[in-house]
N, C-alpha and C. Protein backbone atom coordinates (compact mmCIF):
# COMPACT_ATOMS: atom_id res chain seq x y z
N MET A 1 118.22 145.80 68.91
CA MET A 1 117.97 145.27 68.03
C MET A 1 117.68 144.17 67.32
N THR A 2 116.96 143.49 66.37
CA THR A 2 117.13 141.69 65.81
C THR A 2 118.15 142.15 64.94
N ARG A 3 118.10 140.78 64.69
CA ARG A 3 118.90 140.29 63.23
C ARG A 3 118.54 140.75 61.64
N GLU A 4 117.25 140.74 61.93
CA GLU A 4 116.92 141.22 61.16
C GLU A 4 116.93 142.57 60.59
N GLU A 5 116.88 143.56 61.70
CA GLU A 5 116.94 145.17 61.57
C GLU A 5 118.31 145.30 60.96
N LYS A 6 119.19 144.29 61.81
CA LYS A 6 120.99 144.62 61.67
C LYS A 6 121.19 144.16 60.12
N PHE A 7 120.33 143.18 59.83
CA PHE A 7 120.87 143.32 57.97
C PHE A 7 120.31 144.47 57.64
N MET A 8 118.91 145.06 57.88
CA MET A 8 117.79 145.81 56.85
C MET A 8 119.08 147.60 57.12
N GLN A 9 119.62 147.29 58.48
CA GLN A 9 120.31 148.32 58.38
C GLN A 9 121.82 148.43 57.41
N GLU A 10 122.02 147.24 56.83
CA GLU A 10 123.14 147.25 56.08
C GLU A 10 122.73 147.71 54.57
N ALA A 11 121.50 147.20 53.87
CA ALA A 11 120.96 147.57 52.79
C ALA A 11 120.91 148.84 52.79
N ILE A 12 120.35 149.79 53.99
CA ILE A 12 120.35 150.79 53.60
C ILE A 12 121.29 152.13 53.57
N ALA A 13 122.33 151.58 54.45
CA ALA A 13 123.59 152.19 54.48
C ALA A 13 123.71 151.47 52.98
N LEU A 14 124.38 150.87 52.43
CA LEU A 14 124.29 150.73 51.02
C LEU A 14 123.45 151.43 49.83
N SER A 15 122.01 151.92 50.47
CA SER A 15 121.15 152.76 49.87
C SER A 15 122.00 154.23 49.73
N LYS A 16 122.59 154.68 51.01
CA LYS A 16 123.06 156.16 51.24
C LYS A 16 124.31 155.77 50.89
N LYS A 17 125.33 154.81 50.08
CA LYS A 17 126.12 154.94 49.53
C LYS A 17 125.89 155.03 48.38
N GLY A 18 124.99 154.83 47.49
CA GLY A 18 124.62 154.90 46.30
C GLY A 18 124.62 156.21 46.05
N VAL A 19 123.79 156.86 47.03
CA VAL A 19 123.67 158.37 46.62
C VAL A 19 124.89 159.21 47.18
N ASP A 20 125.48 159.14 48.07
CA ASP A 20 126.52 159.94 48.01
C ASP A 20 127.29 159.55 46.86
N ASN A 21 127.71 158.24 46.47
CA ASN A 21 128.84 158.37 45.07
C ASN A 21 128.14 158.71 44.03
N ASN A 22 126.65 159.24 43.88
CA ASN A 22 126.48 159.55 42.65
C ASN A 22 125.88 158.09 41.70
N GLU A 23 126.07 156.86 42.10
CA GLU A 23 125.92 155.34 41.67
C GLU A 23 124.90 155.77 40.90
N GLY A 24 123.52 155.87 41.72
CA GLY A 24 121.87 155.90 41.12
C GLY A 24 121.05 155.82 41.55
N GLY A 25 120.03 155.47 41.94
CA GLY A 25 118.97 156.08 42.99
C GLY A 25 119.34 155.37 43.81
N PRO A 26 118.48 155.67 45.22
CA PRO A 26 118.60 155.75 46.35
C PRO A 26 118.10 154.06 47.25
N PHE A 27 118.59 153.09 46.56
CA PHE A 27 118.23 151.56 46.92
C PHE A 27 119.83 150.91 47.21
N GLY A 28 119.72 150.14 48.13
CA GLY A 28 120.10 149.43 48.73
C GLY A 28 119.89 147.98 48.72
N CYS A 29 120.57 146.65 48.77
CA CYS A 29 120.22 145.39 49.28
C CYS A 29 121.72 144.44 50.05
N VAL A 30 120.98 143.43 50.52
CA VAL A 30 121.81 142.67 51.11
C VAL A 30 121.18 141.31 50.89
N ILE A 31 121.99 140.33 50.51
CA ILE A 31 121.73 138.88 50.91
C ILE A 31 122.40 138.22 51.43
N VAL A 32 121.32 137.58 53.00
CA VAL A 32 122.03 136.70 53.74
C VAL A 32 121.99 135.38 53.49
N LYS A 33 123.01 134.70 54.02
CA LYS A 33 122.82 133.28 54.39
C LYS A 33 123.54 132.78 55.43
N ASP A 34 123.24 131.58 56.63
CA ASP A 34 123.61 131.41 57.43
C ASP A 34 124.37 132.57 58.19
N ASP A 35 123.44 133.74 58.53
CA ASP A 35 123.96 134.98 59.21
C ASP A 35 125.23 135.41 59.06
N LYS A 36 125.39 135.11 57.44
CA LYS A 36 126.29 136.28 56.80
C LYS A 36 126.01 137.31 55.63
N ILE A 37 126.29 138.04 55.71
CA ILE A 37 126.16 138.97 53.73
C ILE A 37 126.94 138.00 53.35
N ILE A 38 126.50 137.59 52.08
CA ILE A 38 127.06 137.01 51.11
C ILE A 38 127.13 137.42 49.30
N GLY A 39 125.82 138.51 49.81
CA GLY A 39 125.56 139.72 48.48
C GLY A 39 125.65 140.71 48.78
N ARG A 40 126.16 142.03 48.04
CA ARG A 40 125.60 143.42 48.14
C ARG A 40 125.48 143.96 47.17
N GLY A 41 124.57 144.99 47.06
CA GLY A 41 124.51 145.62 45.67
C GLY A 41 123.60 146.80 46.43
N ASN A 42 124.01 148.10 45.35
CA ASN A 42 123.00 149.20 45.67
C ASN A 42 122.95 149.50 44.27
N ASN A 43 121.81 150.80 43.66
CA ASN A 43 121.44 151.00 42.79
C ASN A 43 122.61 151.45 42.06
N GLN A 44 122.93 150.80 40.37
CA GLN A 44 124.05 151.77 39.71
C GLN A 44 123.53 151.84 38.42
N VAL A 45 122.36 152.38 38.29
CA VAL A 45 121.68 152.55 37.18
C VAL A 45 122.42 153.39 36.18
N THR A 46 122.42 154.73 36.82
CA THR A 46 123.08 156.00 36.09
C THR A 46 124.77 155.97 36.06
N SER A 47 125.50 155.27 36.88
CA SER A 47 126.48 155.10 36.97
C SER A 47 127.16 153.88 36.48
N THR A 48 126.12 152.99 35.60
CA THR A 48 126.95 152.08 34.73
C THR A 48 126.14 152.13 33.37
N ASN A 49 125.41 153.24 33.14
CA ASN A 49 124.58 153.24 31.98
C ASN A 49 123.85 151.90 31.82
N ASP A 50 122.83 151.05 32.81
CA ASP A 50 122.70 149.77 32.91
C ASP A 50 121.39 149.80 33.49
N PRO A 51 119.93 149.92 32.52
CA PRO A 51 118.61 150.17 33.28
C PRO A 51 117.89 148.90 33.88
N THR A 52 119.13 147.80 34.45
CA THR A 52 119.07 146.51 34.91
C THR A 52 119.77 146.18 36.57
N ALA A 53 120.39 147.65 36.37
CA ALA A 53 121.37 147.67 37.43
C ALA A 53 120.77 148.16 38.49
N HIS A 54 119.71 147.59 39.25
CA HIS A 54 118.74 147.69 40.62
C HIS A 54 119.88 147.49 41.66
N ALA A 55 119.56 147.81 42.63
CA ALA A 55 120.47 147.16 44.04
C ALA A 55 119.99 145.81 44.06
N GLU A 56 118.64 145.46 43.95
CA GLU A 56 118.96 143.44 44.17
C GLU A 56 119.30 143.15 42.98
N ILE A 57 119.25 144.02 41.98
CA ILE A 57 119.72 142.71 40.89
C ILE A 57 121.31 142.53 41.10
N VAL A 58 121.73 143.43 41.36
CA VAL A 58 123.62 143.52 41.40
C VAL A 58 123.86 142.95 42.52
N ALA A 59 122.92 142.95 43.80
CA ALA A 59 122.86 142.25 44.86
C ALA A 59 122.78 140.29 44.56
N ILE A 60 122.11 140.22 43.99
CA ILE A 60 121.67 138.74 43.48
C ILE A 60 123.02 138.19 42.63
N ARG A 61 123.34 139.06 41.73
CA ARG A 61 124.50 138.74 40.82
C ARG A 61 126.32 138.53 41.59
N ASN A 62 126.10 139.28 42.29
CA ASN A 62 127.33 138.90 43.74
C ASN A 62 127.32 138.06 44.55
N ALA A 63 125.98 137.67 45.24
CA ALA A 63 125.53 136.71 45.61
C ALA A 63 125.98 135.45 44.97
N CYS A 64 125.23 135.23 43.77
CA CYS A 64 125.46 134.14 42.97
C CYS A 64 127.07 133.41 42.56
N LYS A 65 127.50 134.71 42.07
CA LYS A 65 129.43 134.52 42.00
C LYS A 65 130.04 134.18 43.55
N ASN A 66 129.59 134.57 44.70
CA ASN A 66 130.13 133.73 45.66
C ASN A 66 129.69 133.01 46.33
N LEU A 67 128.87 132.56 45.62
CA LEU A 67 128.04 131.12 46.33
C LEU A 67 128.57 129.94 45.22
N GLY A 68 128.94 130.97 44.08
CA GLY A 68 129.04 129.30 42.71
C GLY A 68 127.82 129.00 42.26
N THR A 69 126.97 129.72 42.10
CA THR A 69 125.11 128.63 41.65
C THR A 69 124.19 130.33 41.18
N PHE A 70 123.26 129.33 40.82
CA PHE A 70 122.84 130.59 39.99
C PHE A 70 121.57 130.49 40.74
N GLN A 71 121.16 129.99 41.84
CA GLN A 71 119.91 130.17 42.84
C GLN A 71 120.22 130.27 44.30
N LEU A 72 119.08 131.10 45.06
CA LEU A 72 120.05 131.61 46.53
C LEU A 72 118.77 130.78 47.62
N HIS A 73 119.13 129.35 47.63
CA HIS A 73 118.23 128.22 48.08
C HIS A 73 118.93 128.62 49.90
N ASP A 74 117.81 128.83 50.56
CA ASP A 74 118.33 129.42 52.21
C ASP A 74 118.69 130.56 52.50
N CYS A 75 118.62 131.26 51.39
CA CYS A 75 118.76 132.51 51.41
C CYS A 75 117.85 133.97 51.97
N GLU A 76 118.32 134.56 52.56
CA GLU A 76 117.32 136.04 52.74
C GLU A 76 117.77 137.07 52.17
N ILE A 77 117.01 138.12 51.60
CA ILE A 77 116.94 139.14 50.98
C ILE A 77 116.43 140.20 51.79
N TYR A 78 117.28 140.91 51.71
CA TYR A 78 116.70 142.69 52.95
C TYR A 78 117.15 143.73 51.57
N THR A 79 116.40 144.33 51.79
CA THR A 79 116.43 145.48 50.32
C THR A 79 115.73 146.78 51.01
N SER A 80 116.48 147.84 50.59
CA SER A 80 115.69 149.21 51.42
C SER A 80 114.78 149.43 50.67
N CYS A 81 113.63 148.99 50.10
CA CYS A 81 112.64 149.52 49.23
C CYS A 81 111.96 148.24 48.50
N GLU A 82 110.74 147.81 48.77
CA GLU A 82 109.92 147.11 48.18
C GLU A 82 110.44 146.81 46.86
N PRO A 83 110.56 145.35 46.26
CA PRO A 83 111.26 145.29 45.28
C PRO A 83 110.30 145.80 43.88
N CYS A 84 110.41 146.42 42.53
CA CYS A 84 110.07 146.60 41.25
C CYS A 84 109.67 145.21 40.99
N PRO A 85 108.72 145.71 39.83
CA PRO A 85 108.71 144.47 38.89
C PRO A 85 109.24 143.58 38.40
N MET A 86 110.45 144.06 37.66
CA MET A 86 111.82 143.16 37.48
C MET A 86 112.60 142.79 38.68
N CYS A 87 112.57 143.47 39.39
CA CYS A 87 113.48 142.62 40.45
C CYS A 87 113.13 141.85 41.43
N LEU A 88 111.37 141.70 41.37
CA LEU A 88 110.79 141.18 42.06
C LEU A 88 110.46 139.43 40.83
N GLY A 89 110.63 139.47 40.03
CA GLY A 89 111.14 138.79 38.71
C GLY A 89 112.25 137.83 38.96
N ALA A 90 112.97 138.94 39.08
CA ALA A 90 114.86 137.80 39.02
C ALA A 90 114.83 137.88 40.69
N ILE A 91 114.14 137.73 41.78
CA ILE A 91 113.83 137.46 42.89
C ILE A 91 113.55 136.41 43.18
N TYR A 92 112.14 136.21 42.14
CA TYR A 92 111.61 134.79 42.25
C TYR A 92 112.19 133.87 41.30
N TRP A 93 112.90 133.77 40.45
CA TRP A 93 114.01 133.24 39.52
C TRP A 93 114.86 132.19 40.54
N ALA A 94 115.57 133.31 41.33
CA ALA A 94 116.58 133.30 42.42
C ALA A 94 116.51 132.50 43.28
N ARG A 95 115.37 131.98 44.19
CA ARG A 95 114.72 131.58 45.35
C ARG A 95 115.04 131.17 46.45
N PRO A 96 114.54 132.70 47.09
CA PRO A 96 115.26 132.27 48.31
C PRO A 96 113.94 132.22 49.16
N THR A 97 114.79 132.39 50.80
CA THR A 97 113.32 132.06 51.20
C THR A 97 112.68 133.10 51.66
N VAL A 98 112.59 134.26 51.99
CA VAL A 98 112.14 135.94 52.63
C VAL A 98 112.93 136.73 51.86
N ILE A 99 111.91 138.00 51.53
CA ILE A 99 112.16 139.31 51.38
C ILE A 99 111.53 140.26 52.58
N TYR A 100 112.85 140.71 52.84
CA TYR A 100 112.55 142.26 54.09
C TYR A 100 112.57 143.31 52.90
N TYR A 101 112.12 144.39 53.21
CA TYR A 101 112.36 145.27 52.63
C TYR A 101 111.74 146.96 53.48
N ALA A 102 112.09 147.60 53.62
CA ALA A 102 112.16 148.89 54.41
C ALA A 102 111.18 149.76 53.72
N ASN A 103 111.36 150.96 52.67
CA ASN A 103 110.80 151.73 52.28
C ASN A 103 109.42 150.88 51.31
N ASN A 104 108.21 150.92 51.14
CA ASN A 104 107.83 150.74 50.21
C ASN A 104 107.10 151.23 48.66
N ARG A 105 106.46 150.87 47.97
CA ARG A 105 106.26 151.35 46.51
C ARG A 105 105.43 152.75 46.44
N GLN A 106 104.82 152.93 47.73
CA GLN A 106 104.30 154.23 47.34
C GLN A 106 105.10 155.40 47.90
N ASP A 107 106.05 155.43 48.75
CA ASP A 107 107.46 156.04 49.55
C ASP A 107 108.55 155.94 48.13
N ALA A 108 108.63 155.46 47.23
CA ALA A 108 109.33 155.12 46.09
C ALA A 108 108.23 156.33 45.11
N ALA A 109 107.37 156.74 44.58
CA ALA A 109 106.61 156.85 44.29
C ALA A 109 106.66 158.17 44.38
N HIS A 110 106.54 158.69 45.46
CA HIS A 110 106.40 159.49 45.82
C HIS A 110 107.58 160.78 45.42
N ILE A 111 108.84 159.86 45.54
CA ILE A 111 109.84 160.30 45.03
C ILE A 111 110.69 160.22 43.59
N GLY A 112 109.66 160.05 42.99
CA GLY A 112 109.75 160.13 41.71
C GLY A 112 110.07 158.54 40.89
N PHE A 113 110.25 157.54 41.67
CA PHE A 113 110.46 155.88 41.22
C PHE A 113 109.12 155.45 41.49
N ASP A 114 108.23 155.63 40.05
CA ASP A 114 106.88 155.11 39.94
C ASP A 114 106.83 153.83 39.28
N ASP A 115 106.42 152.54 39.91
CA ASP A 115 106.49 151.56 38.68
C ASP A 115 104.86 151.30 38.15
N SER A 116 104.27 152.07 38.60
CA SER A 116 102.51 151.80 39.13
C SER A 116 102.17 151.58 37.50
N MET A 117 102.83 152.41 36.48
CA MET A 117 102.25 151.99 34.80
C MET A 117 103.21 150.45 34.40
N ILE A 118 104.16 150.10 34.83
CA ILE A 118 104.47 148.57 34.91
C ILE A 118 103.91 147.85 35.31
N TYR A 119 103.11 148.22 36.49
CA TYR A 119 102.37 146.98 37.20
C TYR A 119 100.56 146.79 36.27
N ASP A 120 100.44 148.35 35.47
CA ASP A 120 99.15 148.40 34.71
C ASP A 120 99.29 147.02 33.62
N GLU A 121 100.85 148.01 33.03
CA GLU A 121 100.86 146.79 31.92
C GLU A 121 100.91 145.39 32.16
N MET A 122 101.62 145.01 33.38
CA MET A 122 101.51 143.48 33.14
C MET A 122 100.08 142.73 33.33
N LYS A 123 98.65 143.66 34.02
CA LYS A 123 97.97 143.31 33.96
C LYS A 123 96.82 143.53 32.55
N ALA A 124 97.53 144.22 31.73
CA ALA A 124 96.69 144.44 30.26
C ALA A 124 97.16 143.63 29.10
N SER A 125 96.38 143.23 28.15
CA SER A 125 96.43 142.37 27.28
C SER A 125 97.65 142.79 26.72
N ILE A 126 98.09 141.89 25.76
CA ILE A 126 99.59 142.73 24.68
C ILE A 126 98.96 143.22 23.81
N GLU A 127 97.51 143.12 23.67
CA GLU A 127 97.44 144.00 22.36
C GLU A 127 97.21 145.60 22.89
N GLN A 128 96.84 145.57 23.91
CA GLN A 128 96.77 146.86 24.91
C GLN A 128 97.77 147.36 25.47
N ARG A 129 98.87 147.17 25.46
CA ARG A 129 100.32 147.51 26.06
C ARG A 129 101.08 148.84 25.62
N LYS A 130 101.61 149.54 26.04
CA LYS A 130 102.17 150.74 25.82
C LYS A 130 103.14 150.66 24.46
N ILE A 131 103.86 149.55 24.60
CA ILE A 131 104.93 149.29 23.99
C ILE A 131 104.55 147.98 22.65
N PRO A 132 104.35 148.21 21.40
CA PRO A 132 103.97 147.46 20.70
C PRO A 132 104.79 145.58 21.11
N ILE A 133 103.73 144.73 21.41
CA ILE A 133 104.87 143.22 21.72
C ILE A 133 104.01 142.61 20.58
N LYS A 134 104.92 142.05 19.17
CA LYS A 134 104.52 141.22 18.04
C LYS A 134 105.23 139.78 18.27
N SER A 135 104.53 138.95 17.73
CA SER A 135 105.04 137.52 18.01
C SER A 135 105.48 137.76 16.56
N ILE A 136 106.90 137.03 16.29
CA ILE A 136 107.59 136.69 14.93
C ILE A 136 108.52 135.92 14.86
N SER A 137 108.15 134.63 14.04
CA SER A 137 109.07 133.58 13.89
C SER A 137 109.06 132.68 14.81
N ARG A 138 107.72 132.34 15.57
CA ARG A 138 107.37 130.91 16.42
C ARG A 138 107.71 129.87 15.77
N GLU A 139 107.70 129.70 14.79
CA GLU A 139 107.77 128.14 14.42
C GLU A 139 109.22 127.67 14.30
N GLU A 140 109.92 128.78 14.09
CA GLU A 140 111.60 128.29 13.90
C GLU A 140 111.52 128.34 15.19
N ALA A 141 111.10 129.37 16.25
CA ALA A 141 111.87 128.96 17.92
C ALA A 141 111.10 128.29 18.74
N LEU A 142 110.52 127.52 17.94
CA LEU A 142 110.01 126.48 18.64
C LEU A 142 110.69 125.18 18.36
N LYS A 143 111.50 125.20 17.61
CA LYS A 143 112.58 124.28 17.26
C LYS A 143 113.51 123.70 18.50
N ILE A 144 114.07 124.82 18.55
CA ILE A 144 114.75 125.08 19.82
C ILE A 144 114.22 124.97 21.16
N PHE A 145 113.01 124.91 21.09
CA PHE A 145 112.13 124.85 22.87
C PHE A 145 112.27 123.41 22.34
N ILE A 146 112.02 122.51 21.41
CA ILE A 146 111.60 121.04 21.41
C ILE A 146 112.98 120.59 21.58
N GLU A 147 113.87 121.43 21.04
CA GLU A 147 115.86 120.62 21.24
C GLU A 147 115.90 120.61 22.94
N TRP A 148 115.87 121.62 23.46
CA TRP A 148 116.16 121.93 24.76
C TRP A 148 115.38 120.77 25.60
N GLN A 149 113.85 120.43 25.15
CA GLN A 149 112.96 119.45 25.63
C GLN A 149 113.53 118.33 25.77
N HIS A 150 114.27 117.91 24.79
CA HIS A 150 115.05 116.69 24.67
C HIS A 150 116.36 116.57 25.28
N LYS A 151 116.81 117.66 25.45
CA LYS A 151 118.39 117.81 25.31
C LYS A 151 118.54 116.89 27.02
N THR A 152 119.36 116.16 26.87
CA THR A 152 119.79 114.89 28.50
C THR A 152 120.85 115.16 29.02
N ASP A 153 121.18 116.48 28.53
CA ASP A 153 122.48 116.94 29.71
C ASP A 153 122.25 118.50 30.17
N LYS A 154 120.84 118.83 30.11
CA LYS A 154 120.61 120.12 30.18
C LYS A 154 120.77 120.29 32.05
N THR A 155 121.11 121.48 32.25
CA THR A 155 121.16 121.73 33.77
C THR A 155 119.99 122.34 34.05
N SER A 156 118.41 121.74 34.73
CA SER A 156 117.39 122.33 34.75
C SER A 156 117.41 123.67 35.75
N TYR A 157 115.96 124.18 35.67
CA TYR A 157 116.53 125.59 36.91
C TYR A 157 114.83 125.56 36.50
């Protein structure tokens, strides 16, 4: 068994733990740095009433807390399923070096976790999306962006 397969087995075990404990869907994730697991997560959407509590998000939060940082440079993500659009966005913001996944999005869709609507929505113009998206108070909000832009003591990311 390769080191990558060993870490993936940990992610798969977390997905089973979540199912066995009725915490959420069958998804698990570990984050590895320097050959050590520094973050763990399994889907906890239904047990926490949090639609963002996907395995990858839970693991990212855990890893960042353990590392005392908001980015995962030099880290690897092992997830039991190809990340959904939300998780993929969070992973990109965290900036790991690689993502390994086991099941793919078609496997997930087959058991009722179909993200194709979200992928389609991301391709559609704002005017054509299923949930109306309307811009208001832009001029007031832009003032805060300008303030951020000129702030000298900000932590950039």
